[in-house]
Amino acid sequence: MKWEGNRESDNVEDRRGEGGGGSPIFGGRSIGIGTIVIALVGGWVLGINPLTLLGLLSGGGPPAQVQPQGPAARPPADDTLARFVSTVLADTEDVWQAVFRQGGGTYQEPRLVLFRGATRTACGTGQAAMGPFYCPADQKVYIDLGFYETLKHRLGAPGDFAQAYVIAHEVGHHVQNQLGISGKVDQMRGRVSQAEYNALSVRLELQADCFAGVWAHHAQNARQILEQGDVEEAMNAAAKIGDDALQRSSGGAVVPESFTHGTSAQRQRWFHNGLQNGSVKACDTFAVRNL
């Protein structure tokens, strides 16, 4: 991926020098590591907000909002990986600003928070073990950059464009929040069965994959960021994090009713759809019968 020398975003907070946020608190209860593991089995990685799932498992409602922290330090200039994600974030800003402007809207940029171990969010305490996630309550994407080692070595999805896909997917959730889509899905929690809510979650996640493809489409047209093998890296990452692939790799049975993110084939299909069409309308996963 061609990124060196491109603009870096100012919307990056580096909390890696701060202390951890402790155990997540939901509905006044502390969530132990056992519950976190259950949440990961149900939500896997790259979720819109695993904290919401943890809240449900604890018997409480959505996590209470907390007072936002003061501004964090900017990443050091010699931190290549932090510069990379800052550049990817800037590129998503440029693309979505243009897309929203073309549609007559205004794009409000999210912030990207770098942390280690744990950090406080407006959705509760985020843990590195959850993988990257987006918190709609504070409109921030959270990532422990150590996840990229997991992505490469444990999940078998190396490459800088696979890493960019991770950021673009989470920004896709921010776009959904801006458009009011994720809010409508969240309102269905408790009104439908768990299986039905899981099915809605799958459509939400696949749409975020499609939005990641929309970003790549426009970034390539405007700045020619793609190098040979980049698309294959993203498609491989999408395949490795499909619900069916993750359940197989864990040694368990594949249980479609428990899917929350979609199969490997579905994730690849919707990312590729966005990449080919570059259209938000082409990403309406809620309007199709077959995903």
Foldseek 3Di string as FASTA:
>chain_A
DDQPPADFAPQEAECAVPDAPPFWAAPNDGDDPVLVVVLCLLQPALAQDSLQVSNVVVVHHFGAFDDDDDGHDQDDPPPVVSRLLRRLLVLLVVLVQVVQVVVVHGDDRAHEYEYAAWDQGRRTIDGQVRYWYADLVRRYIYHHVCVQVCLCPVLPQDDSLLVSLSSQLNVLSSVCSVVCNVVVLSVCVVVDDPLVSLVSLQLSQLLSLLSSLLSLQVCCVVPVRDDPCSLVSNLSSLQSRASQNVCVVVVHHRDVSSHRHHHSVSSSVSNVQSNVPSDSVSSNSVPDDPD
